Amino acid sequence: MSLASEKLETIRQQVQYHLDQAEKKQLNPEQERALCDIIKGRLERENAVLIAHYYTPPAIQALAEESGGCVSDSLEMAKFGHDHPAQTLVIAGVKFMGETAKILTPEKRVLMPTLEATCSLDLGCPIEDFSAFCDQHPDRKVVVYANTSAAVKARADWVVTSSIALDVIEHLDEQGEKIIWAPDRYLGDYVRRETGADVLMWDGACIVHEEFKARGLADLKRVYPEAAILVHPESPASVIELADRVGSTTQIINAAREMPNRQFIVATDQGIFYKLQQLAPNKEFIIAPTAGEGADCRSCANCPWMAMNELEILAGVFDRDDNEILVDAAVAQRAMVPLKRMLDFSAQLKLAGKA
């Protein structure tokens, strides 16, 4: 087992302990409401705004909306924080999201419920190993997914999200560029197959999306023959092949709203169901099958690190000294270059009517 794998396994064990403890102290509706009132009061007094990812628990997403914050994907979270007048951003998600927000708004204080909430893609791409990998292929443009550390972003030429990955790689391929892609091998393979670009991939994966199974998905489709299958491109190729629509979290939500189907089988983190049911209340959403409880499932369609965002922890977010996101100024300056390149490219796509 590599050092990165050992670290990942240790973190998984820590997260599982945290989740086991959380299961013992489930809150009733009255307790949830009381905590939400406390948090909303603190947000107002601290000139802060709560920004949550689609994969966080429903209570966190609802609170973000009720308190004037937002629920979105990682890029929109950072952009919302940049544009919002609040001087403190409370990021409910995982660590790389807090780092991205800090890079884009270095003058603001960025807090998280817990800095232990991380990501298997981030953990599986340590900067020392990745930098050495890049050094071995100096003729390639380095493109990294947003689900990476600030240090890895600083080593890259481009940062992309799943919503614009195809457009960026297609753009680079048209310029004759060869590409290093990191860290998600499934998304990288999808991009390579769709664009035909010369893509050399880092070997990483999301522990949620890699657990979706094509055989189980095909069986479920037979039970719900009228259902459309919505798949995130971090899933294995065999799962993507069965999809009616492949896209980012935001693109999956838009597809559910726009497509005429009344039923949808969804292959991404089940945290998205809160927003799906909110925006398409007359439609039915069915979670795609993973390896199952009795097999090797580590996620069962729910990111364990996202689940670490809890109301009780959030209620004390302003009272601790171990939960502020800090990014080295030199690293942040270098990381801002590929991030701005992504933001400018995204803006150009919108102007051209392609996003």
Protein backbone atom coordinates (compact mmCIF):
# COMPACT_ATOMS: atom_id res chain seq x y z
CA MET A 1 0.00 0.00 0.00
CA SER A 2 1.36 3.44 -1.00
CA LEU A 3 1.76 6.29 1.46
CA ALA A 4 -1.16 8.09 -0.19
CA SER A 5 -3.33 4.96 0.13
CA GLU A 6 -2.34 4.52 3.77
CA LYS A 7 -3.24 8.14 4.51
CA LEU A 8 -6.57 7.75 2.74
CA GLU A 9 -7.41 4.62 4.69
CA THR A 10 -6.54 6.32 7.98
CA ILE A 11 -8.78 9.25 7.11
CA ARG A 12 -11.60 6.89 6.18
CA GLN A 13 -11.36 5.22 9.57
CA GLN A 14 -11.47 8.61 11.29
CA VAL A 15 -14.49 9.65 9.25
CA GLN A 16 -16.29 6.40 10.00
CA TYR A 17 -15.75 6.96 13.71
CA HIS A 18 -17.16 10.46 13.35
CA LEU A 19 -20.22 9.13 11.48
CA ASP A 20 -20.79 6.38 14.03
CA GLN A 21 -20.76 8.96 16.80
CA ALA A 22 -23.12 11.24 14.86
CA GLU A 23 -25.59 8.38 14.35
CA LYS A 24 -25.91 8.03 18.10
CA LYS A 25 -27.10 11.62 18.50
CA GLN A 26 -29.77 12.15 15.85
CA LEU A 27 -31.60 15.45 16.29
CA ASN A 28 -35.37 15.78 16.41
CA PRO A 29 -37.09 18.59 14.41
CA GLU A 30 -37.30 20.88 17.46
CA GLN A 31 -33.59 20.50 18.16
CA GLU A 32 -32.77 21.18 14.50
CA ARG A 33 -34.88 24.33 14.46
CA ALA A 34 -33.31 25.61 17.68
CA LEU A 35 -29.81 25.12 16.26
CA CYS A 36 -30.79 26.78 12.98
CA ASP A 37 -32.05 29.83 14.87
CA ILE A 38 -28.78 30.03 16.81
CA ILE A 39 -26.70 29.75 13.62
CA LYS A 40 -28.74 32.36 11.74
CA GLY A 41 -28.30 34.79 14.63
CA ARG A 42 -24.54 34.23 14.71
CA LEU A 43 -24.24 34.63 10.94
CA GLU A 44 -25.95 38.01 11.14
CA ARG A 45 -23.89 39.23 14.09
CA GLU A 46 -20.61 38.11 12.52
CA ASN A 47 -21.36 39.64 9.09
CA ALA A 48 -21.10 36.14 7.65
CA VAL A 49 -22.85 34.10 4.98
CA LEU A 50 -23.32 30.31 4.79
CA ILE A 51 -22.42 28.71 1.47
CA ALA A 52 -23.22 24.99 1.08
CA HIS A 53 -22.52 22.32 -1.50
CA TYR A 54 -25.25 20.19 -3.07
CA TYR A 55 -23.86 17.09 -1.31
CA THR A 56 -24.14 18.38 2.26
CA PRO A 57 -27.01 17.16 4.49
CA PRO A 58 -30.47 18.59 3.64
CA ALA A 59 -30.68 20.54 6.93
CA ILE A 60 -27.48 22.41 6.05
CA GLN A 61 -28.71 23.19 2.53
CA ALA A 62 -32.06 24.46 3.83
CA LEU A 63 -30.30 26.66 6.39
CA ALA A 64 -28.03 28.17 3.75
CA GLU A 65 -31.03 29.19 1.70
CA GLU A 66 -33.07 30.44 4.67
CA SER A 67 -30.20 32.63 5.90
CA GLY A 68 -29.48 34.34 2.57
CA GLY A 69 -26.60 32.11 1.49
CA CYS A 70 -26.55 29.67 -1.39
CA VAL A 71 -26.46 26.00 -2.32
CA SER A 72 -24.45 25.22 -5.44
CA ASP A 73 -21.49 23.39 -6.94
CA SER A 74 -17.91 24.17 -5.93
CA LEU A 75 -17.19 26.86 -8.52
CA GLU A 76 -20.44 28.75 -7.95
CA MET A 77 -19.82 28.54 -4.19
CA ALA A 78 -16.53 30.37 -4.59
CA LYS A 79 -18.00 32.93 -7.02
CA PHE A 80 -20.95 33.60 -4.68
CA GLY A 81 -18.56 34.18 -1.79
CA HIS A 82 -16.44 36.51 -3.90
CA ASP A 83 -19.44 38.63 -4.89
CA HIS A 84 -21.27 38.63 -1.55
CA PRO A 85 -20.64 41.63 0.74
CA ALA A 86 -20.17 39.50 3.89
CA GLN A 87 -16.67 39.67 5.36
CA THR A 88 -16.78 36.07 6.61
CA LEU A 89 -17.60 33.06 4.44
CA VAL A 90 -18.75 29.88 6.16
CA ILE A 91 -18.17 27.06 3.68
CA ALA A 92 -20.15 23.86 4.27
CA GLY A 93 -18.48 21.32 2.05
CA VAL A 94 -14.97 19.88 1.91
CA LYS A 95 -11.59 21.51 2.38
CA PHE A 96 -10.64 22.22 -1.23
CA MET A 97 -13.86 24.27 -1.56
CA GLY A 98 -12.80 26.45 1.35
CA GLU A 99 -9.35 26.86 -0.19
CA THR A 100 -10.81 27.90 -3.54
CA ALA A 101 -13.00 30.49 -1.81
CA LYS A 102 -9.97 31.84 0.07
CA ILE A 103 -7.87 32.07 -3.10
CA LEU A 104 -10.59 34.06 -4.86
CA THR A 105 -11.25 36.29 -1.83
CA PRO A 106 -8.01 36.52 0.19
CA GLU A 107 -9.24 39.57 2.10
CA LYS A 108 -12.15 37.64 3.64
CA ARG A 109 -12.18 35.23 6.57
CA VAL A 110 -13.13 31.71 5.45
CA LEU A 111 -14.36 29.25 8.07
CA MET A 112 -15.54 25.65 7.80
CA PRO A 113 -17.47 23.46 10.26
CA THR A 114 -14.44 21.13 10.28
CA LEU A 115 -11.17 21.03 8.34
CA GLU A 116 -11.25 17.24 8.61
CA ALA A 117 -13.85 17.18 5.83
CA THR A 118 -11.73 16.42 2.80
CA CYS A 119 -12.00 14.50 -0.49
CA SER A 120 -10.56 11.24 -1.80
CA LEU A 121 -9.50 12.99 -5.01
CA ASP A 122 -7.60 15.61 -3.05
CA LEU A 123 -6.01 13.04 -0.74
CA GLY A 124 -5.06 10.81 -3.65
CA CYS A 125 -3.09 13.57 -5.39
CA PRO A 126 -0.34 14.77 -3.00
CA ILE A 127 1.58 17.73 -4.37
CA GLU A 128 5.05 16.16 -4.08
CA ASP A 129 4.12 13.07 -6.12
CA PHE A 130 2.04 15.03 -8.60
CA SER A 131 4.71 17.65 -9.19
CA ALA A 132 7.26 14.94 -9.89
CA PHE A 133 4.81 13.31 -12.33
CA CYS A 134 4.38 16.63 -14.15
CA ASP A 135 8.14 17.17 -14.30
CA GLN A 136 8.47 13.89 -16.20
CA HIS A 137 6.23 15.24 -18.97
CA PRO A 138 7.24 18.90 -19.51
CA ASP A 139 5.72 18.98 -23.01
CA ARG A 140 2.14 18.61 -21.66
CA LYS A 141 -0.31 21.20 -20.38
CA VAL A 142 -1.35 20.40 -16.81
CA VAL A 143 -5.12 20.38 -16.29
CA VAL A 144 -6.46 19.65 -12.82
CA TYR A 145 -9.98 19.16 -11.57
CA ALA A 146 -11.31 21.62 -8.97
CA ASN A 147 -11.28 18.75 -6.43
CA THR A 148 -7.61 19.29 -5.59
CA SER A 149 -5.54 21.17 -3.04
CA ALA A 150 -4.39 24.75 -3.48
CA ALA A 151 -0.85 23.47 -3.97
CA VAL A 152 -1.89 21.17 -6.83
CA LYS A 153 -3.84 23.99 -8.45
CA ALA A 154 -0.74 26.15 -8.17
CA ARG A 155 1.20 23.52 -10.18
CA ALA A 156 -1.40 23.50 -12.98
CA ASP A 157 -1.87 25.44 -16.21
CA TRP A 158 -5.65 25.05 -16.04
CA VAL A 159 -8.25 24.27 -13.39
CA VAL A 160 -11.58 22.86 -14.58
CA THR A 161 -14.92 21.81 -13.18
CA SER A 162 -16.91 18.87 -14.54
CA SER A 163 -19.26 21.33 -16.28
CA ILE A 164 -16.54 22.80 -18.53
CA ALA A 165 -13.97 19.99 -18.65
CA LEU A 166 -14.99 18.89 -22.14
CA ASP A 167 -14.87 22.44 -23.50
CA VAL A 168 -11.43 23.15 -22.04
CA ILE A 169 -9.87 19.90 -23.26
CA GLU A 170 -11.43 20.34 -26.69
CA HIS A 171 -9.99 23.88 -26.80
CA LEU A 172 -6.50 22.67 -25.85
CA ASP A 173 -6.69 19.78 -28.32
CA GLU A 174 -7.59 22.17 -31.13
CA GLN A 175 -4.41 24.10 -30.27
CA GLY A 176 -2.39 20.90 -30.64
CA GLU A 177 -1.65 20.56 -26.94
CA LYS A 178 -0.99 17.28 -25.16
CA ILE A 179 -2.46 17.11 -21.68
CA ILE A 180 -1.79 15.83 -18.18
CA TRP A 181 -5.11 15.28 -16.41
CA ALA A 182 -5.58 14.91 -12.65
CA PRO A 183 -6.83 13.50 -10.45
CA ASP A 184 -10.05 11.62 -11.41
CA ARG A 185 -9.29 8.87 -13.92
CA TYR A 186 -12.96 8.26 -14.75
CA LEU A 187 -13.65 11.88 -15.62
CA GLY A 188 -10.35 12.00 -17.46
CA ASP A 189 -11.24 8.90 -19.47
CA TYR A 190 -14.65 10.36 -20.30
CA VAL A 191 -13.04 13.60 -21.50
CA ARG A 192 -10.46 11.69 -23.53
CA ARG A 193 -13.09 9.50 -25.22
CA GLU A 194 -15.38 12.44 -25.98
CA THR A 195 -12.69 14.76 -27.38
CA GLY A 196 -10.10 12.36 -28.80
CA ALA A 197 -7.39 14.45 -27.13
CA ASP A 198 -3.99 13.10 -26.07
CA VAL A 199 -4.60 12.84 -22.30
CA LEU A 200 -2.17 11.31 -19.81
CA MET A 201 -4.05 10.58 -16.59
CA TRP A 202 -3.23 10.59 -12.90
CA ASP A 203 -4.70 7.56 -11.13
CA GLY A 204 -7.35 8.92 -8.74
CA ALA A 205 -11.05 8.35 -8.10
CA CYS A 206 -14.00 9.62 -6.10
CA ILE A 207 -15.06 7.01 -3.55
CA VAL A 208 -18.72 7.87 -4.17
CA HIS A 209 -18.89 7.77 -7.95
CA GLU A 210 -16.57 4.81 -8.53
CA GLU A 211 -19.02 2.60 -6.59
CA PHE A 212 -21.88 2.89 -9.08
CA LYS A 213 -22.40 -0.41 -10.90
CA ALA A 214 -23.51 -0.85 -14.53
CA ARG A 215 -25.13 -4.24 -13.96
CA GLY A 216 -27.23 -2.98 -11.09
CA LEU A 217 -28.10 0.15 -13.07
CA ALA A 218 -29.29 -1.94 -16.02
CA ASP A 219 -31.39 -4.09 -13.67
CA LEU A 220 -32.93 -0.98 -12.13
CA LYS A 221 -33.72 0.41 -15.57
CA ARG A 222 -35.77 -2.73 -16.26
CA VAL A 223 -37.83 -2.01 -13.13
CA TYR A 224 -38.28 1.64 -14.18
CA PRO A 225 -38.24 1.46 -18.01
CA GLU A 226 -39.53 5.03 -18.44
CA ALA A 227 -36.89 6.54 -16.17
CA ALA A 228 -34.07 8.62 -17.61
CA ILE A 229 -30.60 7.86 -16.27
CA LEU A 230 -28.57 10.87 -15.09
CA VAL A 231 -24.87 10.21 -14.48
CA HIS A 232 -21.97 12.28 -13.17
CA PRO A 233 -18.85 11.86 -15.35
CA GLU A 234 -16.75 10.80 -12.35
CA SER A 235 -18.50 7.42 -12.70
CA PRO A 236 -16.99 4.35 -14.42
CA ALA A 237 -17.27 4.19 -18.21
CA SER A 238 -19.68 1.25 -18.08
CA VAL A 239 -22.09 3.39 -16.03
CA ILE A 240 -21.67 6.43 -18.28
CA GLU A 241 -22.53 4.30 -21.31
CA LEU A 242 -26.01 3.68 -19.87
CA ALA A 243 -26.74 7.37 -19.26
CA ASP A 244 -29.37 9.47 -20.98
CA ARG A 245 -27.54 12.57 -19.77
CA VAL A 246 -24.00 12.96 -18.40
CA GLY A 247 -23.10 16.09 -16.49
CA SER A 248 -22.01 17.99 -13.42
CA THR A 249 -24.26 18.40 -10.38
CA THR A 250 -25.76 21.57 -11.80
CA GLN A 251 -26.20 19.96 -15.23
CA ILE A 252 -27.93 16.96 -13.63
CA ILE A 253 -30.35 19.28 -11.83
CA ASN A 254 -31.06 21.18 -15.04
CA ALA A 255 -31.62 17.95 -16.95
CA ALA A 256 -34.17 16.76 -14.39
CA ARG A 257 -36.07 20.03 -14.73
CA GLU A 258 -35.95 20.15 -18.53
CA MET A 259 -36.46 16.54 -19.60
CA PRO A 260 -40.06 15.31 -19.97
CA ASN A 261 -39.49 12.09 -18.00
CA ARG A 262 -41.39 11.70 -14.73
CA GLN A 263 -38.81 9.34 -13.21
CA PHE A 264 -35.02 9.62 -13.00
CA ILE A 265 -32.32 7.22 -11.87
CA VAL A 266 -29.51 9.38 -10.51
CA ALA A 267 -25.86 8.30 -10.32
CA THR A 268 -24.26 10.89 -8.07
CA ASP A 269 -24.15 11.67 -4.35
CA GLN A 270 -27.64 11.39 -2.86
CA GLY A 271 -27.23 14.80 -1.20
CA ILE A 272 -28.37 16.22 -4.55
CA PHE A 273 -31.86 14.83 -3.94
CA TYR A 274 -32.72 17.79 -1.70
CA LYS A 275 -32.32 20.24 -4.58
CA LEU A 276 -33.80 17.85 -7.16
CA GLN A 277 -36.97 17.39 -5.14
CA GLN A 278 -37.16 21.12 -4.42
CA LEU A 279 -36.85 22.19 -8.06
CA ALA A 280 -38.79 19.28 -9.63
CA PRO A 281 -41.36 18.35 -6.94
CA ASN A 282 -43.61 16.40 -9.30
CA LYS A 283 -40.88 14.03 -10.39
CA GLU A 284 -39.50 10.88 -8.79
CA PHE A 285 -35.80 10.35 -8.18
CA ILE A 286 -34.22 6.95 -7.59
CA ILE A 287 -30.65 6.50 -6.42
CA ALA A 288 -28.46 4.43 -8.73
CA PRO A 289 -27.10 1.18 -7.24
CA THR A 290 -23.64 0.97 -5.69
CA ALA A 291 -21.76 -2.11 -4.51
CA GLY A 292 -24.20 -2.48 -1.63
CA GLU A 293 -23.91 -2.73 2.13
CA GLY A 294 -22.60 -6.27 2.07
CA ALA A 295 -19.98 -5.75 -0.60
CA ASP A 296 -17.05 -3.35 -0.79
CA CYS A 297 -19.13 -0.17 -0.78
CA ARG A 298 -17.27 2.65 0.97
CA SER A 299 -19.72 5.39 0.12
CA CYS A 300 -23.15 3.95 -0.73
CA ALA A 301 -23.80 7.11 -2.77
CA ASN A 302 -23.08 9.48 0.10
CA CYS A 303 -19.74 11.22 0.64
CA PRO A 304 -18.68 10.58 4.26
CA TRP A 305 -16.72 13.82 4.39
CA MET A 306 -19.70 15.90 3.24
CA ALA A 307 -21.70 14.22 6.00
CA MET A 308 -19.30 15.69 8.55
CA ASN A 309 -21.03 19.04 8.05
CA GLU A 310 -23.50 18.97 10.95
CA LEU A 311 -25.72 21.57 12.57
CA GLU A 312 -24.20 21.04 16.01
CA ILE A 313 -20.68 21.63 14.69
CA LEU A 314 -21.84 24.56 12.58
CA ALA A 315 -23.38 26.21 15.65
CA GLY A 316 -19.87 26.61 17.11
CA VAL A 317 -18.10 27.59 13.91
CA PHE A 318 -17.26 31.11 15.20
CA ASP A 319 -16.03 29.97 18.60
CA ARG A 320 -13.06 27.82 17.58
CA ASP A 321 -9.53 28.52 16.43
CA ASP A 322 -8.94 25.34 14.41
CA ASN A 323 -11.35 25.77 11.50
CA GLU A 324 -10.15 28.78 9.50
CA ILE A 325 -8.92 28.23 5.95
CA LEU A 326 -5.47 29.72 5.42
CA VAL A 327 -3.58 29.50 2.13
CA ASP A 328 0.07 30.48 1.74
CA ALA A 329 0.17 33.77 -0.17
CA ALA A 330 2.67 32.55 -2.77
CA VAL A 331 0.69 29.35 -3.38
CA ALA A 332 -2.55 31.33 -3.63
CA GLN A 333 -0.99 33.73 -6.14
CA ARG A 334 0.14 30.86 -8.38
CA ALA A 335 -3.17 28.99 -8.01
CA MET A 336 -5.07 32.11 -8.98
CA VAL A 337 -3.53 31.99 -12.48
CA PRO A 338 -5.23 28.73 -13.64
CA LEU A 339 -8.38 29.57 -11.67
CA LYS A 340 -8.72 32.92 -13.44
CA ARG A 341 -8.02 31.20 -16.74
CA MET A 342 -10.97 28.89 -16.01
CA LEU A 343 -13.24 31.77 -14.96
CA ASP A 344 -12.39 33.79 -18.08
CA PHE A 345 -12.94 30.76 -20.31
CA SER A 346 -16.27 30.05 -18.62
CA ALA A 347 -17.35 33.65 -19.17
CA GLN A 348 -16.45 33.35 -22.86
CA LEU A 349 -18.55 30.20 -23.16
CA LYS A 350 -21.53 32.02 -21.68
CA LEU A 351 -21.10 34.93 -24.10
CA ALA A 352 -21.02 32.44 -26.95
CA GLY A 353 -24.17 30.76 -25.64
CA LYS A 354 -22.39 27.47 -24.93
CA ALA A 355 -22.83 27.46 -21.13
